[in-house]
């Protein structure tokens, strides 16, 4: 099932705010996004991790927009989000 831009944004924001140590983390993420099951949320998360791994490994070229400092801040924020996940 596809994800809308809005659902993806809510998902990413929820990843940054929910306590990953709680056993109901996936249920909370699914509830926050709306219209997605726990399994769909888990799958979406795994795809996000794979995408970030590919970007960090240099397998995906970086887009040519914004400044390097904007990019660096964005990737640092994403890295912090992923490191905070204990899933």
N, C-alpha and C. Protein backbone atom coordinates (compact mmCIF):
# COMPACT_ATOMS: atom_id res chain seq x y z
N UNK A 1 0.85 -1.18 0.00
CA UNK A 1 0.00 0.00 0.00
C UNK A 1 0.90 1.24 0.00
N UNK A 2 0.55 2.22 -0.78
CA UNK A 2 1.37 3.43 -0.88
C UNK A 2 1.12 4.38 0.30
N UNK A 3 2.08 5.23 0.51
CA UNK A 3 2.02 6.22 1.58
C UNK A 3 1.92 7.60 0.97
N UNK A 4 1.03 8.41 1.51
CA UNK A 4 0.94 9.79 1.04
C UNK A 4 2.09 10.60 1.65
N UNK A 5 2.33 11.76 1.08
CA UNK A 5 3.36 12.65 1.62
C UNK A 5 3.03 13.02 3.06
N UNK A 6 1.77 13.27 3.32
CA UNK A 6 1.34 13.63 4.68
C UNK A 6 1.58 12.47 5.66
N UNK A 7 1.21 11.26 5.27
CA UNK A 7 1.42 10.10 6.14
C UNK A 7 2.91 9.91 6.43
N UNK A 8 3.73 10.08 5.40
CA UNK A 8 5.16 9.91 5.58
C UNK A 8 5.72 10.95 6.54
N UNK A 9 5.27 12.19 6.43
CA UNK A 9 5.72 13.25 7.33
C UNK A 9 5.29 12.96 8.76
N UNK A 10 4.04 12.54 8.94
CA UNK A 10 3.55 12.20 10.28
C UNK A 10 4.36 11.04 10.85
N UNK A 11 4.65 10.06 10.01
CA UNK A 11 5.46 8.91 10.43
C UNK A 11 6.83 9.36 10.91
N UNK A 12 7.51 10.19 10.13
CA UNK A 12 8.84 10.65 10.51
C UNK A 12 8.81 11.49 11.78
N UNK A 13 7.82 12.34 11.90
CA UNK A 13 7.69 13.15 13.12
C UNK A 13 7.42 12.26 14.34
N UNK A 14 6.58 11.26 14.15
CA UNK A 14 6.25 10.35 15.25
C UNK A 14 7.47 9.54 15.67
N UNK A 15 8.30 9.15 14.71
CA UNK A 15 9.53 8.43 15.04
C UNK A 15 10.40 9.24 15.99
N UNK A 16 10.40 10.53 15.78
CA UNK A 16 11.24 11.41 16.61
C UNK A 16 10.65 11.67 17.99
N UNK A 17 9.36 11.41 18.16
CA UNK A 17 8.73 11.78 19.43
C UNK A 17 8.35 10.61 20.32
N UNK A 18 8.05 9.46 19.75
CA UNK A 18 7.62 8.33 20.57
C UNK A 18 8.79 7.67 21.28
N UNK A 19 8.54 7.18 22.47
CA UNK A 19 9.52 6.45 23.24
C UNK A 19 9.69 5.06 22.63
N UNK A 20 10.85 4.84 22.07
CA UNK A 20 11.11 3.58 21.37
C UNK A 20 11.26 2.40 22.31
N UNK A 21 11.40 2.66 23.59
CA UNK A 21 11.55 1.59 24.58
C UNK A 21 10.21 0.97 24.97
N UNK A 22 9.15 1.66 24.67
CA UNK A 22 7.83 1.15 25.05
C UNK A 22 7.42 0.00 24.13
N UNK A 23 6.80 -1.01 24.71
CA UNK A 23 6.38 -2.15 23.89
C UNK A 23 5.28 -1.80 22.88
N UNK A 24 4.58 -0.69 23.10
CA UNK A 24 3.51 -0.32 22.19
C UNK A 24 3.95 0.72 21.15
N UNK A 25 5.24 0.83 20.93
CA UNK A 25 5.78 1.82 20.00
C UNK A 25 5.16 1.69 18.61
N UNK A 26 5.14 0.47 18.06
CA UNK A 26 4.62 0.28 16.70
C UNK A 26 3.13 0.61 16.62
N UNK A 27 2.39 0.24 17.66
CA UNK A 27 0.97 0.56 17.68
C UNK A 27 0.77 2.08 17.72
N UNK A 28 1.59 2.76 18.51
CA UNK A 28 1.50 4.22 18.58
C UNK A 28 1.83 4.87 17.24
N UNK A 29 2.84 4.36 16.56
CA UNK A 29 3.20 4.89 15.24
C UNK A 29 2.06 4.68 14.25
N UNK A 30 1.49 3.46 14.25
CA UNK A 30 0.38 3.18 13.33
C UNK A 30 -0.81 4.07 13.62
N UNK A 31 -1.12 4.27 14.89
CA UNK A 31 -2.23 5.13 15.28
C UNK A 31 -1.98 6.58 14.86
N UNK A 32 -0.75 7.04 15.04
CA UNK A 32 -0.41 8.42 14.69
C UNK A 32 -0.55 8.66 13.19
N UNK A 33 -0.09 7.70 12.40
CA UNK A 33 -0.15 7.85 10.94
C UNK A 33 -1.59 7.76 10.46
N UNK A 34 -2.32 6.80 10.99
CA UNK A 34 -3.71 6.60 10.57
C UNK A 34 -3.80 5.85 9.26
N UNK A 35 -4.66 4.89 9.21
CA UNK A 35 -4.88 4.13 7.98
C UNK A 35 -3.78 3.13 7.66
N UNK A 36 -2.89 2.86 8.61
CA UNK A 36 -1.80 1.90 8.41
C UNK A 36 -1.81 0.89 9.54
N UNK A 37 -1.47 -0.35 9.20
CA UNK A 37 -1.37 -1.39 10.21
C UNK A 37 0.02 -1.35 10.84
N UNK A 38 0.16 -2.08 11.93
CA UNK A 38 1.46 -2.18 12.59
C UNK A 38 2.48 -2.78 11.63
N UNK A 39 2.09 -3.81 10.89
CA UNK A 39 3.01 -4.43 9.92
C UNK A 39 3.42 -3.45 8.82
N UNK A 40 2.49 -2.63 8.36
CA UNK A 40 2.83 -1.64 7.33
C UNK A 40 3.82 -0.61 7.87
N UNK A 41 3.63 -0.22 9.12
CA UNK A 41 4.54 0.76 9.74
C UNK A 41 5.93 0.14 9.90
N UNK A 42 6.00 -1.10 10.36
CA UNK A 42 7.29 -1.77 10.50
C UNK A 42 8.00 -1.87 9.15
N UNK A 43 7.28 -2.25 8.12
CA UNK A 43 7.85 -2.37 6.78
C UNK A 43 8.35 -1.01 6.29
N UNK A 44 7.57 0.03 6.52
CA UNK A 44 7.95 1.37 6.09
C UNK A 44 9.22 1.82 6.81
N UNK A 45 9.32 1.49 8.07
CA UNK A 45 10.51 1.81 8.85
C UNK A 45 11.74 1.09 8.27
N UNK A 46 11.59 -0.18 7.97
CA UNK A 46 12.71 -0.95 7.41
C UNK A 46 13.17 -0.35 6.08
N UNK A 47 12.23 0.09 5.25
CA UNK A 47 12.59 0.74 3.98
C UNK A 47 13.34 2.04 4.23
N UNK A 48 12.92 2.79 5.23
CA UNK A 48 13.60 4.03 5.59
C UNK A 48 15.04 3.75 6.01
N UNK A 49 15.23 2.73 6.84
CA UNK A 49 16.57 2.36 7.28
C UNK A 49 17.43 1.95 6.09
N UNK A 50 16.87 1.16 5.18
CA UNK A 50 17.60 0.74 3.97
C UNK A 50 17.99 1.94 3.13
N UNK A 51 17.07 2.87 2.94
CA UNK A 51 17.37 4.07 2.16
C UNK A 51 18.51 4.86 2.78
N UNK A 52 18.47 5.03 4.08
CA UNK A 52 19.53 5.77 4.76
C UNK A 52 20.86 5.04 4.65
N UNK A 53 20.83 3.72 4.80
CA UNK A 53 22.05 2.93 4.63
C UNK A 53 22.64 3.11 3.23
N UNK A 54 21.78 3.10 2.22
CA UNK A 54 22.26 3.29 0.84
C UNK A 54 22.83 4.69 0.63
N UNK A 55 22.18 5.67 1.19
CA UNK A 55 22.67 7.05 1.06
C UNK A 55 24.04 7.17 1.74
N UNK A 56 24.15 6.66 2.95
CA UNK A 56 25.41 6.75 3.68
C UNK A 56 26.52 5.95 3.01
N UNK A 57 26.18 4.88 2.31
CA UNK A 57 27.17 4.07 1.62
C UNK A 57 27.53 4.67 0.26
N UNK A 58 26.89 5.77 -0.11
CA UNK A 58 27.18 6.42 -1.39
C UNK A 58 26.54 5.74 -2.58
N UNK A 59 25.57 4.88 -2.36
CA UNK A 59 24.91 4.17 -3.45
C UNK A 59 23.85 5.01 -4.13
N UNK A 60 23.42 6.07 -3.47
CA UNK A 60 22.42 6.97 -4.03
C UNK A 60 23.04 8.36 -4.08
N UNK A 61 23.10 8.97 -5.28
CA UNK A 61 23.70 10.30 -5.36
C UNK A 61 22.85 11.33 -4.63
N UNK A 62 23.53 12.28 -4.02
CA UNK A 62 22.82 13.35 -3.32
C UNK A 62 22.20 14.32 -4.31
N UNK A 63 21.02 14.84 -3.99
CA UNK A 63 20.40 15.82 -4.87
C UNK A 63 21.18 17.12 -4.85
N UNK A 64 21.10 17.85 -5.94
CA UNK A 64 21.85 19.11 -6.06
C UNK A 64 20.95 20.28 -5.71
N UNK A 65 20.60 20.41 -4.44
CA UNK A 65 19.81 21.55 -3.99
C UNK A 65 20.23 21.93 -2.58
N UNK A 66 20.02 23.17 -2.24
CA UNK A 66 20.38 23.65 -0.91
C UNK A 66 21.88 23.73 -0.73
N UNK A 67 22.28 24.18 0.43
CA UNK A 67 23.69 24.29 0.73
C UNK A 67 24.16 23.04 1.47
N UNK A 68 25.46 22.87 1.54
CA UNK A 68 26.00 21.73 2.27
C UNK A 68 25.61 21.79 3.74
N UNK A 69 25.61 22.98 4.31
CA UNK A 69 25.25 23.08 5.73
C UNK A 69 23.80 22.65 5.96
N UNK A 70 22.92 22.97 5.01
CA UNK A 70 21.53 22.51 5.12
C UNK A 70 21.47 20.99 5.05
N UNK A 71 22.23 20.42 4.11
CA UNK A 71 22.25 18.97 3.96
C UNK A 71 22.83 18.31 5.20
N UNK A 72 23.93 18.85 5.70
CA UNK A 72 24.59 18.28 6.87
C UNK A 72 23.64 18.29 8.07
N UNK A 73 22.95 19.38 8.29
CA UNK A 73 22.00 19.46 9.40
C UNK A 73 20.90 18.42 9.22
N UNK A 74 20.40 18.30 7.98
CA UNK A 74 19.32 17.35 7.71
C UNK A 74 19.80 15.92 7.99
N UNK A 75 20.98 15.55 7.50
CA UNK A 75 21.45 14.19 7.70
C UNK A 75 21.81 13.94 9.16
N UNK A 76 22.33 14.93 9.87
CA UNK A 76 22.61 14.77 11.29
C UNK A 76 21.32 14.52 12.06
N UNK A 77 20.26 15.27 11.71
CA UNK A 77 18.96 15.08 12.36
C UNK A 77 18.42 13.68 12.10
N UNK A 78 18.53 13.22 10.85
CA UNK A 78 18.04 11.89 10.50
C UNK A 78 18.85 10.82 11.23
N UNK A 79 20.15 11.02 11.29
CA UNK A 79 21.00 10.05 11.97
C UNK A 79 20.64 9.97 13.45
N UNK A 80 20.39 11.11 14.08
CA UNK A 80 20.01 11.12 15.48
C UNK A 80 18.68 10.40 15.69
N UNK A 81 17.75 10.59 14.76
CA UNK A 81 16.46 9.90 14.88
C UNK A 81 16.66 8.40 14.86
N UNK A 82 17.47 7.94 13.89
CA UNK A 82 17.67 6.51 13.77
C UNK A 82 18.44 5.94 14.95
N UNK A 83 19.42 6.67 15.44
CA UNK A 83 20.18 6.18 16.60
C UNK A 83 19.31 6.11 17.84
N UNK A 84 18.31 6.98 17.91
CA UNK A 84 17.45 6.97 19.11
C UNK A 84 16.47 5.80 19.11
N UNK A 85 16.33 5.14 17.95
CA UNK A 85 15.41 4.01 17.88
C UNK A 85 16.07 2.76 18.43
N UNK A 86 15.43 2.13 19.33
CA UNK A 86 15.94 0.91 19.92
C UNK A 86 15.00 -0.23 19.56
N UNK A 87 14.72 -0.31 18.25
CA UNK A 87 13.72 -1.29 17.78
C UNK A 87 14.44 -2.45 17.14
